[in-house]
Amino acid sequence: MNGSAAEIAFVGGGFGGRGGQNMLEPAGYGAAVCFGPNTKNFVDITRRLLAADGAVQLQKESELVDFVARCLMDPPAADRLGIHAQAMVMSHRGATQRTMEHLSELAATRELESMYVRAA
């Protein structure tokens, strides 16, 4: 058990034309995550979760029943999927802070360059 409200998560929207919903929240909670084939609005997240063995991408709606059954019949495998999903999400924590630090450094460098040009 992973401590979240749900241990198995189907992220909706992936079987329609609009694209899937954000799968980061259930992945971050360590749920065994699955979603449909249309994830055009979350391409990078989908790629990262699949590469980390942290999610399953279903191709047909009928595969959802099989996914849930596998998770229920093999809890350690479902837990591994959730652990991988959560690890992938956690590996990207702090990205906003790191981006802000880099932007601050860049702004400081630009300011120094600007002062140098004015002085010259």
PDB file of N, CA and C in Angstrom:
ATOM      1  N   MET A   1       0.838  -1.182   0.000  1.00  0.00           N
ATOM      2  CA  MET A   1       0.000   0.000   0.000  1.00  0.00           C
ATOM      3  C   MET A   1       0.884   1.247   0.000  1.00  0.00           C
ATOM      4  N   ASN A   2       0.503   2.250  -0.765  1.00  0.00           N
ATOM      5  CA  ASN A   2       1.351   3.418  -0.962  1.00  0.00           C
ATOM      6  C   ASN A   2       0.965   4.627  -0.134  1.00  0.00           C
ATOM      7  N   GLY A   3      -0.095   4.585   0.643  1.00  0.00           N
ATOM      8  CA  GLY A   3      -0.470   5.697   1.498  1.00  0.00           C
ATOM      9  C   GLY A   3      -1.363   6.733   0.836  1.00  0.00           C
ATOM     10  N   SER A   4      -1.653   6.605  -0.428  1.00  0.00           N
ATOM     11  CA  SER A   4      -2.545   7.547  -1.100  1.00  0.00           C
ATOM     12  C   SER A   4      -3.984   7.053  -0.986  1.00  0.00           C
ATOM     13  N   ALA A   5      -4.909   7.875  -1.434  1.00  0.00           N
ATOM     14  CA  ALA A   5      -6.318   7.495  -1.384  1.00  0.00           C
ATOM     15  C   ALA A   5      -6.623   6.358  -2.353  1.00  0.00           C
ATOM     16  N   ALA A   6      -5.937   6.293  -3.455  1.00  0.00           N
ATOM     17  CA  ALA A   6      -6.164   5.247  -4.451  1.00  0.00           C
ATOM     18  C   ALA A   6      -4.849   4.554  -4.774  1.00  0.00           C
ATOM     19  N   GLU A   7      -4.921   3.271  -4.979  1.00  0.00           N
ATOM     20  CA  GLU A   7      -3.724   2.515  -5.336  1.00  0.00           C
ATOM     21  C   GLU A   7      -3.643   2.241  -6.823  1.00  0.00           C
ATOM     22  N   ILE A   8      -4.769   2.364  -7.510  1.00  0.00           N
ATOM     23  CA  ILE A   8      -4.834   2.162  -8.956  1.00  0.00           C
ATOM     24  C   ILE A   8      -5.508   3.394  -9.541  1.00  0.00           C
ATOM     25  N   ALA A   9      -4.912   3.964 -10.590  1.00  0.00           N
ATOM     26  CA  ALA A   9      -5.479   5.182 -11.172  1.00  0.00           C
ATOM     27  C   ALA A   9      -5.584   5.071 -12.690  1.00  0.00           C
ATOM     28  N   PHE A  10      -6.773   5.327 -13.181  1.00  0.00           N
ATOM     29  CA  PHE A  10      -6.976   5.497 -14.619  1.00  0.00           C
ATOM     30  C   PHE A  10      -7.113   6.991 -14.849  1.00  0.00           C
ATOM     31  N   VAL A  11      -6.231   7.546 -15.666  1.00  0.00           N
ATOM     32  CA  VAL A  11      -6.244   8.973 -15.973  1.00  0.00           C
ATOM     33  C   VAL A  11      -7.071   9.155 -17.238  1.00  0.00           C
ATOM     34  N   GLY A  12      -8.185   9.826 -17.106  1.00  0.00           N
ATOM     35  CA  GLY A  12      -9.150   9.939 -18.193  1.00  0.00           C
ATOM     36  C   GLY A  12      -8.729  10.854 -19.325  1.00  0.00           C
ATOM     37  N   GLY A  13      -9.545  10.835 -20.368  1.00  0.00           N
ATOM     38  CA  GLY A  13      -9.361  11.700 -21.521  1.00  0.00           C
ATOM     39  C   GLY A  13      -8.531  11.116 -22.645  1.00  0.00           C
ATOM     40  N   GLY A  14      -7.808  10.061 -22.391  1.00  0.00           N
ATOM     41  CA  GLY A  14      -6.891   9.506 -23.380  1.00  0.00           C
ATOM     42  C   GLY A  14      -7.540   8.663 -24.467  1.00  0.00           C
ATOM     43  N   PHE A  15      -8.831   8.406 -24.344  1.00  0.00           N
ATOM     44  CA  PHE A  15      -9.521   7.647 -25.382  1.00  0.00           C
ATOM     45  C   PHE A  15     -10.363   8.545 -26.277  1.00  0.00           C
ATOM     46  N   GLY A  16     -10.390   9.819 -25.979  1.00  0.00           N
ATOM     47  CA  GLY A  16     -11.145  10.766 -26.797  1.00  0.00           C
ATOM     48  C   GLY A  16     -10.218  11.581 -27.677  1.00  0.00           C
ATOM     49  N   GLY A  17     -10.772  12.560 -28.329  1.00  0.00           N
ATOM     50  CA  GLY A  17      -9.992  13.388 -29.235  1.00  0.00           C
ATOM     51  C   GLY A  17      -9.278  14.543 -28.580  1.00  0.00           C
ATOM     52  N   ARG A  18      -9.627  14.875 -27.344  1.00  0.00           N
ATOM     53  CA  ARG A  18      -9.045  16.068 -26.725  1.00  0.00           C
ATOM     54  C   ARG A  18      -7.713  15.834 -26.054  1.00  0.00           C
ATOM     55  N   GLY A  19      -7.355  14.622 -25.782  1.00  0.00           N
ATOM     56  CA  GLY A  19      -6.098  14.327 -25.087  1.00  0.00           C
ATOM     57  C   GLY A  19      -6.366  14.017 -23.630  1.00  0.00           C
ATOM     58  N   GLY A  20      -5.392  13.423 -22.994  1.00  0.00           N
ATOM     59  CA  GLY A  20      -5.555  12.971 -21.620  1.00  0.00           C
ATOM     60  C   GLY A  20      -5.466  14.076 -20.594  1.00  0.00           C
ATOM     61  N   GLN A  21      -5.749  13.698 -19.367  1.00  0.00           N
ATOM     62  CA  GLN A  21      -5.607  14.580 -18.219  1.00  0.00           C
ATOM     63  C   GLN A  21      -4.190  14.421 -17.663  1.00  0.00           C
ATOM     64  N   ASN A  22      -3.843  15.268 -16.724  1.00  0.00           N
ATOM     65  CA  ASN A  22      -2.508  15.256 -16.134  1.00  0.00           C
ATOM     66  C   ASN A  22      -2.334  14.032 -15.237  1.00  0.00           C
ATOM     67  N   MET A  23      -1.341  13.233 -15.543  1.00  0.00           N
ATOM     68  CA  MET A  23      -1.103  12.015 -14.778  1.00  0.00           C
ATOM     69  C   MET A  23      -0.074  12.197 -13.663  1.00  0.00           C
ATOM     70  N   LEU A  24       0.424  13.411 -13.471  1.00  0.00           N
ATOM     71  CA  LEU A  24       1.436  13.632 -12.444  1.00  0.00           C
ATOM     72  C   LEU A  24       0.897  13.449 -11.024  1.00  0.00           C
ATOM     73  N   GLU A  25      -0.321  13.881 -10.776  1.00  0.00           N
ATOM     74  CA  GLU A  25      -0.838  13.764  -9.403  1.00  0.00           C
ATOM     75  C   GLU A  25      -0.955  12.313  -8.954  1.00  0.00           C
ATOM     76  N   PRO A  26      -1.641  11.441  -9.687  1.00  0.00           N
ATOM     77  CA  PRO A  26      -1.685  10.054  -9.208  1.00  0.00           C
ATOM     78  C   PRO A  26      -0.303   9.397  -9.212  1.00  0.00           C
ATOM     79  N   ALA A  27       0.540   9.766 -10.164  1.00  0.00           N
ATOM     80  CA  ALA A  27       1.903   9.220 -10.184  1.00  0.00           C
ATOM     81  C   ALA A  27       2.679   9.679  -8.952  1.00  0.00           C
ATOM     82  N   GLY A  28       2.520  10.937  -8.591  1.00  0.00           N
ATOM     83  CA  GLY A  28       3.209  11.476  -7.417  1.00  0.00           C
ATOM     84  C   GLY A  28       2.774  10.830  -6.116  1.00  0.00           C
ATOM     85  N   TYR A  29       1.535  10.349  -6.076  1.00  0.00           N
ATOM     86  CA  TYR A  29       1.044   9.644  -4.899  1.00  0.00           C
ATOM     87  C   TYR A  29       1.448   8.177  -4.899  1.00  0.00           C
ATOM     88  N   GLY A  30       2.044   7.713  -5.983  1.00  0.00           N
ATOM     89  CA  GLY A  30       2.504   6.334  -6.035  1.00  0.00           C
ATOM     90  C   GLY A  30       1.456   5.335  -6.454  1.00  0.00           C
ATOM     91  N   ALA A  31       0.419   5.800  -7.128  1.00  0.00           N
ATOM     92  CA  ALA A  31      -0.609   4.878  -7.623  1.00  0.00           C
ATOM     93  C   ALA A  31      -0.087   4.151  -8.860  1.00  0.00           C
ATOM     94  N   ALA A  32      -0.632   2.972  -9.101  1.00  0.00           N
ATOM     95  CA  ALA A  32      -0.368   2.260 -10.356  1.00  0.00           C
ATOM     96  C   ALA A  32      -1.205   2.983 -11.416  1.00  0.00           C
ATOM     97  N   VAL A  33      -0.548   3.682 -12.319  1.00  0.00           N
ATOM     98  CA  VAL A  33      -1.207   4.596 -13.252  1.00  0.00           C
ATOM     99  C   VAL A  33      -1.334   3.978 -14.640  1.00  0.00           C
ATOM    100  N   CYS A  34      -2.496   4.197 -15.248  1.00  0.00           N
ATOM    101  CA  CYS A  34      -2.681   3.850 -16.651  1.00  0.00           C
ATOM    102  C   CYS A  34      -3.464   4.968 -17.322  1.00  0.00           C
ATOM    103  N   PHE A  35      -3.332   5.040 -18.637  1.00  0.00           N
ATOM    104  CA  PHE A  35      -4.035   6.056 -19.414  1.00  0.00           C
ATOM    105  C   PHE A  35      -4.154   5.567 -20.846  1.00  0.00           C
ATOM    106  N   GLY A  36      -4.998   6.236 -21.609  1.00  0.00           N
ATOM    107  CA  GLY A  36      -5.236   5.849 -22.992  1.00  0.00           C
ATOM    108  C   GLY A  36      -4.158   6.343 -23.942  1.00  0.00           C
ATOM    109  N   PRO A  37      -4.339   6.079 -25.236  1.00  0.00           N
ATOM    110  CA  PRO A  37      -3.304   6.377 -26.230  1.00  0.00           C
ATOM    111  C   PRO A  37      -3.165   7.856 -26.597  1.00  0.00           C
ATOM    112  N   ASN A  38      -4.199   8.644 -26.394  1.00  0.00           N
ATOM    113  CA  ASN A  38      -4.146  10.044 -26.804  1.00  0.00           C
ATOM    114  C   ASN A  38      -3.684  10.914 -25.646  1.00  0.00           C
ATOM    115  N   THR A  39      -2.399  11.161 -25.599  1.00  0.00           N
ATOM    116  CA  THR A  39      -1.823  12.008 -24.554  1.00  0.00           C
ATOM    117  C   THR A  39      -1.057  13.159 -25.192  1.00  0.00           C
ATOM    118  N   LYS A  40      -1.604  13.673 -26.296  1.00  0.00           N
ATOM    119  CA  LYS A  40      -0.909  14.701 -27.073  1.00  0.00           C
ATOM    120  C   LYS A  40      -0.603  15.956 -26.269  1.00  0.00           C
ATOM    121  N   ASN A  41      -1.350  16.217 -25.217  1.00  0.00           N
ATOM    122  CA  ASN A  41      -1.104  17.400 -24.417  1.00  0.00           C
ATOM    123  C   ASN A  41      -0.199  17.118 -23.208  1.00  0.00           C
ATOM    124  N   PHE A  42       0.283  15.890 -23.083  1.00  0.00           N
ATOM    125  CA  PHE A  42       1.217  15.520 -22.026  1.00  0.00           C
ATOM    126  C   PHE A  42       2.300  14.596 -22.590  1.00  0.00           C
ATOM    127  N   VAL A  43       2.823  14.937 -23.737  1.00  0.00           N
ATOM    128  CA  VAL A  43       3.778  14.076 -24.434  1.00  0.00           C
ATOM    129  C   VAL A  43       5.022  13.803 -23.592  1.00  0.00           C
ATOM    130  N   ASP A  44       5.615  14.837 -23.025  1.00  0.00           N
ATOM    131  CA  ASP A  44       6.856  14.662 -22.274  1.00  0.00           C
ATOM    132  C   ASP A  44       6.625  13.851 -21.000  1.00  0.00           C
ATOM    133  N   ILE A  45       5.557  14.158 -20.285  1.00  0.00           N
ATOM    134  CA  ILE A  45       5.261  13.422 -19.056  1.00  0.00           C
ATOM    135  C   ILE A  45       4.985  11.954 -19.381  1.00  0.00           C
ATOM    136  N   THR A  46       4.214  11.712 -20.434  1.00  0.00           N
ATOM    137  CA  THR A  46       3.925  10.339 -20.852  1.00  0.00           C
ATOM    138  C   THR A  46       5.221   9.601 -21.159  1.00  0.00           C
ATOM    139  N   ARG A  47       6.084  10.227 -21.931  1.00  0.00           N
ATOM    140  CA  ARG A  47       7.354   9.602 -22.314  1.00  0.00           C
ATOM    141  C   ARG A  47       8.185   9.264 -21.083  1.00  0.00           C
ATOM    142  N   ARG A  48       8.254  10.191 -20.148  1.00  0.00           N
ATOM    143  CA  ARG A  48       9.060   9.973 -18.941  1.00  0.00           C
ATOM    144  C   ARG A  48       8.484   8.870 -18.053  1.00  0.00           C
ATOM    145  N   LEU A  49       7.173   8.868 -17.879  1.00  0.00           N
ATOM    146  CA  LEU A  49       6.558   7.823 -17.054  1.00  0.00           C
ATOM    147  C   LEU A  49       6.743   6.442 -17.675  1.00  0.00           C
ATOM    148  N   LEU A  50       6.541   6.349 -18.971  1.00  0.00           N
ATOM    149  CA  LEU A  50       6.697   5.055 -19.640  1.00  0.00           C
ATOM    150  C   LEU A  50       8.148   4.594 -19.604  1.00  0.00           C
ATOM    151  N   ALA A  51       9.087   5.500 -19.803  1.00  0.00           N
ATOM    152  CA  ALA A  51      10.510   5.142 -19.769  1.00  0.00           C
ATOM    153  C   ALA A  51      10.936   4.676 -18.376  1.00  0.00           C
ATOM    154  N   ALA A  52      10.281   5.207 -17.348  1.00  0.00           N
ATOM    155  CA  ALA A  52      10.614   4.837 -15.970  1.00  0.00           C
ATOM    156  C   ALA A  52       9.842   3.607 -15.497  1.00  0.00           C
ATOM    157  N   ASP A  53       9.081   2.983 -16.390  1.00  0.00           N
ATOM    158  CA  ASP A  53       8.207   1.876 -16.004  1.00  0.00           C
ATOM    159  C   ASP A  53       7.280   2.301 -14.870  1.00  0.00           C
ATOM    160  N   GLY A  54       6.775   3.545 -14.993  1.00  0.00           N
ATOM    161  CA  GLY A  54       5.911   4.102 -13.970  1.00  0.00           C
ATOM    162  C   GLY A  54       4.466   4.251 -14.401  1.00  0.00           C
ATOM    163  N   ALA A  55       4.119   3.723 -15.554  1.00  0.00           N
ATOM    164  CA  ALA A  55       2.736   3.801 -16.034  1.00  0.00           C
ATOM    165  C   ALA A  55       2.547   2.807 -17.168  1.00  0.00           C
ATOM    166  N   VAL A  56       1.287   2.549 -17.459  1.00  0.00           N
ATOM    167  CA  VAL A  56       0.926   1.680 -18.576  1.00  0.00           C
ATOM    168  C   VAL A  56       0.020   2.477 -19.500  1.00  0.00           C
ATOM    169  N   GLN A  57       0.370   2.486 -20.777  1.00  0.00           N
ATOM    170  CA  GLN A  57      -0.471   3.159 -21.770  1.00  0.00           C
ATOM    171  C   GLN A  57      -1.330   2.115 -22.465  1.00  0.00           C
ATOM    172  N   LEU A  58      -2.630   2.242 -22.261  1.00  0.00           N
ATOM    173  CA  LEU A  58      -3.591   1.323 -22.864  1.00  0.00           C
ATOM    174  C   LEU A  58      -3.889   1.773 -24.287  1.00  0.00           C
ATOM    175  N   GLN A  59      -4.147   0.829 -25.158  1.00  0.00           N
ATOM    176  CA  GLN A  59      -4.473   1.168 -26.542  1.00  0.00           C
ATOM    177  C   GLN A  59      -5.973   1.108 -26.819  1.00  0.00           C
ATOM    178  N   LYS A  60      -6.677   0.311 -26.010  1.00  0.00           N
ATOM    179  CA  LYS A  60      -8.136   0.158 -26.185  1.00  0.00           C
ATOM    180  C   LYS A  60      -8.797   0.257 -24.817  1.00  0.00           C
ATOM    181  N   GLU A  61     -10.013   0.781 -24.807  1.00  0.00           N
ATOM    182  CA  GLU A  61     -10.752   0.914 -23.554  1.00  0.00           C
ATOM    183  C   GLU A  61     -10.924  -0.430 -22.853  1.00  0.00           C
ATOM    184  N   SER A  62     -11.085  -1.481 -23.622  1.00  0.00           N
ATOM    185  CA  SER A  62     -11.290  -2.809 -23.034  1.00  0.00           C
ATOM    186  C   SER A  62     -10.079  -3.285 -22.227  1.00  0.00           C
ATOM    187  N   GLU A  63      -8.912  -2.715 -22.446  1.00  0.00           N
ATOM    188  CA  GLU A  63      -7.708  -3.100 -21.700  1.00  0.00           C
ATOM    189  C   GLU A  63      -7.732  -2.608 -20.257  1.00  0.00           C
ATOM    190  N   LEU A  64      -8.610  -1.663 -19.941  1.00  0.00           N
ATOM    191  CA  LEU A  64      -8.685  -1.123 -18.585  1.00  0.00           C
ATOM    192  C   LEU A  64      -9.053  -2.212 -17.578  1.00  0.00           C
ATOM    193  N   VAL A  65     -10.003  -3.048 -17.917  1.00  0.00           N
ATOM    194  CA  VAL A  65     -10.418  -4.130 -17.016  1.00  0.00           C
ATOM    195  C   VAL A  65      -9.238  -5.059 -16.751  1.00  0.00           C
ATOM    196  N   ASP A  66      -8.472  -5.395 -17.787  1.00  0.00           N
ATOM    197  CA  ASP A  66      -7.305  -6.267 -17.624  1.00  0.00           C
ATOM    198  C   ASP A  66      -6.248  -5.605 -16.735  1.00  0.00           C
ATOM    199  N   PHE A  67      -6.019  -4.308 -16.924  1.00  0.00           N
ATOM    200  CA  PHE A  67      -5.035  -3.583 -16.112  1.00  0.00           C
ATOM    201  C   PHE A  67      -5.418  -3.637 -14.635  1.00  0.00           C
ATOM    202  N   VAL A  68      -6.664  -3.313 -14.336  1.00  0.00           N
ATOM    203  CA  VAL A  68      -7.126  -3.313 -12.946  1.00  0.00           C
ATOM    204  C   VAL A  68      -7.033  -4.725 -12.367  1.00  0.00           C
ATOM    205  N   ALA A  69      -7.434  -5.726 -13.138  1.00  0.00           N
ATOM    206  CA  ALA A  69      -7.362  -7.115 -12.662  1.00  0.00           C
ATOM    207  C   ALA A  69      -5.920  -7.514 -12.357  1.00  0.00           C
ATOM    208  N   ARG A  70      -4.986  -7.143 -13.245  1.00  0.00           N
ATOM    209  CA  ARG A  70      -3.563  -7.462 -13.000  1.00  0.00           C
ATOM    210  C   ARG A  70      -3.076  -6.802 -11.715  1.00  0.00           C
ATOM    211  N   CYS A  71      -3.454  -5.560 -11.508  1.00  0.00           N
ATOM    212  CA  CYS A  71      -3.032  -4.842 -10.301  1.00  0.00           C
ATOM    213  C   CYS A  71      -3.596  -5.501  -9.042  1.00  0.00           C
ATOM    214  N   LEU A  72      -4.841  -5.934  -9.110  1.00  0.00           N
ATOM    215  CA  LEU A  72      -5.470  -6.566  -7.953  1.00  0.00           C
ATOM    216  C   LEU A  72      -4.929  -7.965  -7.689  1.00  0.00           C
ATOM    217  N   MET A  73      -4.583  -8.691  -8.748  1.00  0.00           N
ATOM    218  CA  MET A  73      -4.075 -10.055  -8.591  1.00  0.00           C
ATOM    219  C   MET A  73      -2.589 -10.082  -8.256  1.00  0.00           C
ATOM    220  N   ASP A  74      -1.866  -9.012  -8.573  1.00  0.00           N
ATOM    221  CA  ASP A  74      -0.429  -8.973  -8.318  1.00  0.00           C
ATOM    222  C   ASP A  74      -0.063  -7.648  -7.645  1.00  0.00           C
ATOM    223  N   PRO A  75      -0.441  -7.486  -6.368  1.00  0.00           N
ATOM    224  CA  PRO A  75      -0.171  -6.228  -5.674  1.00  0.00           C
ATOM    225  C   PRO A  75       1.310  -5.802  -5.691  1.00  0.00           C
ATOM    226  N   PRO A  76       2.287  -6.726  -5.571  1.00  0.00           N
ATOM    227  CA  PRO A  76       3.677  -6.276  -5.638  1.00  0.00           C
ATOM    228  C   PRO A  76       4.023  -5.624  -6.996  1.00  0.00           C
ATOM    229  N   ALA A  77       3.472  -6.151  -8.086  1.00  0.00           N
ATOM    230  CA  ALA A  77       3.727  -5.551  -9.398  1.00  0.00           C
ATOM    231  C   ALA A  77       3.073  -4.175  -9.487  1.00  0.00           C
ATOM    232  N   ALA A  78       1.861  -4.047  -8.958  1.00  0.00           N
ATOM    233  CA  ALA A  78       1.194  -2.747  -8.945  1.00  0.00           C
ATOM    234  C   ALA A  78       1.973  -1.756  -8.082  1.00  0.00           C
ATOM    235  N   ASP A  79       2.477  -2.229  -6.943  1.00  0.00           N
ATOM    236  CA  ASP A  79       3.279  -1.365  -6.074  1.00  0.00           C
ATOM    237  C   ASP A  79       4.552  -0.899  -6.779  1.00  0.00           C
ATOM    238  N   ARG A  80       5.199  -1.806  -7.521  1.00  0.00           N
ATOM    239  CA  ARG A  80       6.415  -1.418  -8.264  1.00  0.00           C
ATOM    240  C   ARG A  80       6.103  -0.336  -9.278  1.00  0.00           C
ATOM    241  N   LEU A  81       5.002  -0.483  -9.975  1.00  0.00           N
ATOM    242  CA  LEU A  81       4.585   0.520 -10.948  1.00  0.00           C
ATOM    243  C   LEU A  81       4.405   1.870 -10.256  1.00  0.00           C
ATOM    244  N   GLY A  82       3.725   1.863  -9.108  1.00  0.00           N
ATOM    245  CA  GLY A  82       3.516   3.097  -8.352  1.00  0.00           C
ATOM    246  C   GLY A  82       4.812   3.683  -7.814  1.00  0.00           C
ATOM    247  N   ILE A  83       5.698   2.828  -7.346  1.00  0.00           N
ATOM    248  CA  ILE A  83       6.996   3.295  -6.831  1.00  0.00           C
ATOM    249  C   ILE A  83       7.804   3.953  -7.942  1.00  0.00           C
ATOM    250  N   HIS A  84       7.802   3.342  -9.119  1.00  0.00           N
ATOM    251  CA  HIS A  84       8.524   3.921 -10.263  1.00  0.00           C
ATOM    252  C   HIS A  84       7.910   5.253 -10.677  1.00  0.00           C
ATOM    253  N   ALA A  85       6.578   5.312 -10.667  1.00  0.00           N
ATOM    254  CA  ALA A  85       5.889   6.555 -11.039  1.00  0.00           C
ATOM    255  C   ALA A  85       6.255   7.666 -10.058  1.00  0.00           C
ATOM    256  N   GLN A  86       6.179   7.351  -8.787  1.00  0.00           N
ATOM    257  CA  GLN A  86       6.471   8.349  -7.766  1.00  0.00           C
ATOM    258  C   GLN A  86       7.935   8.797  -7.821  1.00  0.00           C
ATOM    259  N   ALA A  87       8.836   7.867  -8.058  1.00  0.00           N
ATOM    260  CA  ALA A  87      10.257   8.216  -8.161  1.00  0.00           C
ATOM    261  C   ALA A  87      10.506   9.159  -9.332  1.00  0.00           C
ATOM    262  N   MET A  88       9.835   8.905 -10.461  1.00  0.00           N
ATOM    263  CA  MET A  88      10.003   9.792 -11.611  1.00  0.00           C
ATOM    264  C   MET A  88       9.527  11.202 -11.278  1.00  0.00           C
ATOM    265  N   VAL A  89       8.374  11.300 -10.639  1.00  0.00           N
ATOM    266  CA  VAL A  89       7.845  12.619 -10.271  1.00  0.00           C
ATOM    267  C   VAL A  89       8.788  13.307  -9.289  1.00  0.00           C
ATOM    268  N   MET A  90       9.225  12.578  -8.275  1.00  0.00           N
ATOM    269  CA  MET A  90      10.104  13.167  -7.257  1.00  0.00           C
ATOM    270  C   MET A  90      11.449  13.608  -7.831  1.00  0.00           C
ATOM    271  N   SER A  91      11.906  12.933  -8.873  1.00  0.00           N
ATOM    272  CA  SER A  91      13.195  13.304  -9.465  1.00  0.00           C
ATOM    273  C   SER A  91      13.146  14.681 -10.127  1.00  0.00           C
ATOM    274  N   HIS A  92      11.938  15.174 -10.364  1.00  0.00           N
ATOM    275  CA  HIS A  92      11.785  16.486 -10.996  1.00  0.00           C
ATOM    276  C   HIS A  92      11.336  17.559 -10.016  1.00  0.00           C
ATOM    277  N   ARG A  93      11.241  17.222  -8.739  1.00  0.00           N
ATOM    278  CA  ARG A  93      10.874  18.225  -7.744  1.00  0.00           C
ATOM    279  C   ARG A  93      11.939  19.297  -7.677  1.00  0.00           C
ATOM    280  N   GLY A  94      11.505  20.516  -7.476  1.00  0.00           N
ATOM    281  CA  GLY A  94      12.434  21.625  -7.350  1.00  0.00           C
ATOM    282  C   GLY A  94      12.809  22.258  -8.678  1.00  0.00           C
ATOM    283  N   ALA A  95      12.202  21.805  -9.759  1.00  0.00           N
ATOM    284  CA  ALA A  95      12.551  22.351 -11.077  1.00  0.00           C
ATOM    285  C   ALA A  95      12.245  23.837 -11.157  1.00  0.00           C
ATOM    286  N   THR A  96      11.151  24.273 -10.564  1.00  0.00           N
ATOM    287  CA  THR A  96      10.802  25.697 -10.598  1.00  0.00           C
ATOM    288  C   THR A  96      11.860  26.509  -9.860  1.00  0.00           C
ATOM    289  N   GLN A  97      12.270  26.028  -8.704  1.00  0.00           N
ATOM    290  CA  GLN A  97      13.298  26.730  -7.929  1.00  0.00           C
ATOM    291  C   GLN A  97      14.608  26.800  -8.701  1.00  0.00           C
ATOM    292  N   ARG A  98      15.018  25.691  -9.318  1.00  0.00           N
ATOM    293  CA  ARG A  98      16.260  25.693 -10.094  1.00  0.00           C
ATOM    294  C   ARG A  98      16.148  26.633 -11.285  1.00  0.00           C
ATOM    295  N   THR A  99      14.999  26.684 -11.926  1.00  0.00           N
ATOM    296  CA  THR A  99      14.791  27.595 -13.052  1.00  0.00           C
ATOM    297  C   THR A  99      14.913  29.035 -12.591  1.00  0.00           C
ATOM    298  N   MET A 100      14.301  29.358 -11.466  1.00  0.00           N
ATOM    299  CA  MET A 100      14.379  30.731 -10.938  1.00  0.00           C
ATOM    300  C   MET A 100      15.823  31.107 -10.591  1.00  0.00           C
ATOM    301  N   GLU A 101      16.570  30.179 -10.035  1.00  0.00           N
ATOM    302  CA  GLU A 101      17.975  30.442  -9.712  1.00  0.00           C
ATOM    303  C   GLU A 101      18.780  30.717 -10.978  1.00  0.00           C
ATOM    304  N   HIS A 102      18.554  29.927 -12.020  1.00  0.00           N
ATOM    305  CA  HIS A 102      19.261  30.139 -13.287  1.00  0.00           C
ATOM    306  C   HIS A 102      18.878  31.474 -13.913  1.00  0.00           C
ATOM    307  N   LEU A 103      17.595  31.812 -13.851  1.00  0.00           N
ATOM    308  CA  LEU A 103      17.154  33.102 -14.403  1.00  0.00           C
ATOM    309  C   LEU A 103      17.757  34.266 -13.628  1.00  0.00           C
ATOM    310  N   SER A 104      17.847  34.129 -12.304  1.00  0.00           N
ATOM    311  CA  SER A 104      18.471  35.179 -11.488  1.00  0.00           C
ATOM    312  C   SER A 104      19.940  35.355 -11.856  1.00  0.00           C
ATOM    313  N   GLU A 105      20.632  34.233 -12.032  1.00  0.00           N
ATOM    314  CA  GLU A 105      22.040  34.301 -12.441  1.00  0.00           C
ATOM    315  C   GLU A 105      22.179  34.962 -13.806  1.00  0.00           C
ATOM    316  N   LEU A 106      21.308  34.593 -14.724  1.00  0.00           N
ATOM    317  CA  LEU A 106      21.342  35.172 -16.061  1.00  0.00           C
ATOM    318  C   LEU A 106      21.066  36.670 -16.006  1.00  0.00           C
ATOM    319  N   ALA A 107      20.084  37.069 -15.205  1.00  0.00           N
ATOM    320  CA  ALA A 107      19.755  38.493 -15.080  1.00  0.00           C
ATOM    321  C   ALA A 107      20.923  39.259 -14.486  1.00  0.00           C
ATOM    322  N   ALA A 108      21.586  38.682 -13.486  1.00  0.00           N
ATOM    323  CA  ALA A 108      22.742  39.341 -12.871  1.00  0.00           C
ATOM    324  C   ALA A 108      23.873  39.484 -13.879  1.00  0.00           C
ATOM    325  N   THR A 109      24.093  38.456 -14.686  1.00  0.00           N
ATOM    326  CA  THR A 109      25.135  38.508 -15.714  1.00  0.00           C
ATOM    327  C   THR A 109      24.819  39.585 -16.741  1.00  0.00           C
ATOM    328  N   ARG A 110      23.567  39.642 -17.164  1.00  0.00           N
ATOM    329  CA  ARG A 110      23.147  40.662 -18.138  1.00  0.00           C
ATOM    330  C   ARG A 110      23.314  42.061 -17.558  1.00  0.00           C
ATOM    331  N   GLU A 111      23.005  42.213 -16.283  1.00  0.00           N
ATOM    332  CA  GLU A 111      23.146  43.520 -15.643  1.00  0.00           C
ATOM    333  C   GLU A 111      24.606  43.935 -15.611  1.00  0.00           C
ATOM    334  N   LEU A 112      25.497  43.004 -15.273  1.00  0.00           N
ATOM    335  CA  LEU A 112      26.930  43.307 -15.263  1.00  0.00           C
ATOM    336  C   LEU A 112      27.420  43.653 -16.660  1.00  0.00           C
ATOM    337  N   GLU A 113      26.967  42.896 -17.669  1.00  0.00           N
ATOM    338  CA  GLU A 113      27.360  43.185 -19.044  1.00  0.00           C
ATOM    339  C   GLU A 113      26.873  44.562 -19.461  1.00  0.00           C
ATOM    340  N   SER A 114      25.670  44.912 -19.072  1.00  0.00           N
ATOM    341  CA  SER A 114      25.102  46.209 -19.399  1.00  0.00           C
ATOM    342  C   SER A 114      25.900  47.331 -18.751  1.00  0.00           C
ATOM    343  N   MET A 115      26.295  47.134 -17.482  1.00  0.00           N
ATOM    344  CA  MET A 115      27.088  48.157 -16.787  1.00  0.00           C
ATOM    345  C   MET A 115      28.457  48.290 -17.454  1.00  0.00           C
ATOM    346  N   TYR A 116      29.041  47.200 -17.887  1.00  0.00           N
ATOM    347  CA  TYR A 116      30.347  47.227 -18.553  1.00  0.00           C
ATOM    348  C   TYR A 116      30.256  47.992 -19.866  1.00  0.00           C
ATOM    349  N   VAL A 117      29.212  47.744 -20.634  1.00  0.00           N
ATOM    350  CA  VAL A 117      29.028  48.430 -21.930  1.00  0.00           C
ATOM    351  C   VAL A 117      28.845  49.919 -21.696  1.00  0.00           C
ATOM    352  N   ARG A 118      28.081  50.309 -20.696  1.00  0.00           N
ATOM    353  CA  ARG A 118      27.867  51.738 -20.402  1.00  0.00           C
ATOM    354  C   ARG A 118      29.162  52.402 -19.955  1.00  0.00           C
ATOM    355  N   ALA A 119      29.991  51.677 -19.226  1.00  0.00           N
ATOM    356  CA  ALA A 119      31.246  52.229 -18.731  1.00  0.00           C
ATOM    357  C   ALA A 119      32.286  52.389 -19.823  1.00  0.00           C
ATOM    358  N   ALA A 120      32.153  51.586 -20.858  1.00  0.00           N
ATOM    359  CA  ALA A 120      33.185  51.579 -21.907  1.00  0.00           C
ATOM    360  C   ALA A 120      33.006  52.693 -22.864  1.00  0.00           C
TER     361      ALA A 120
END
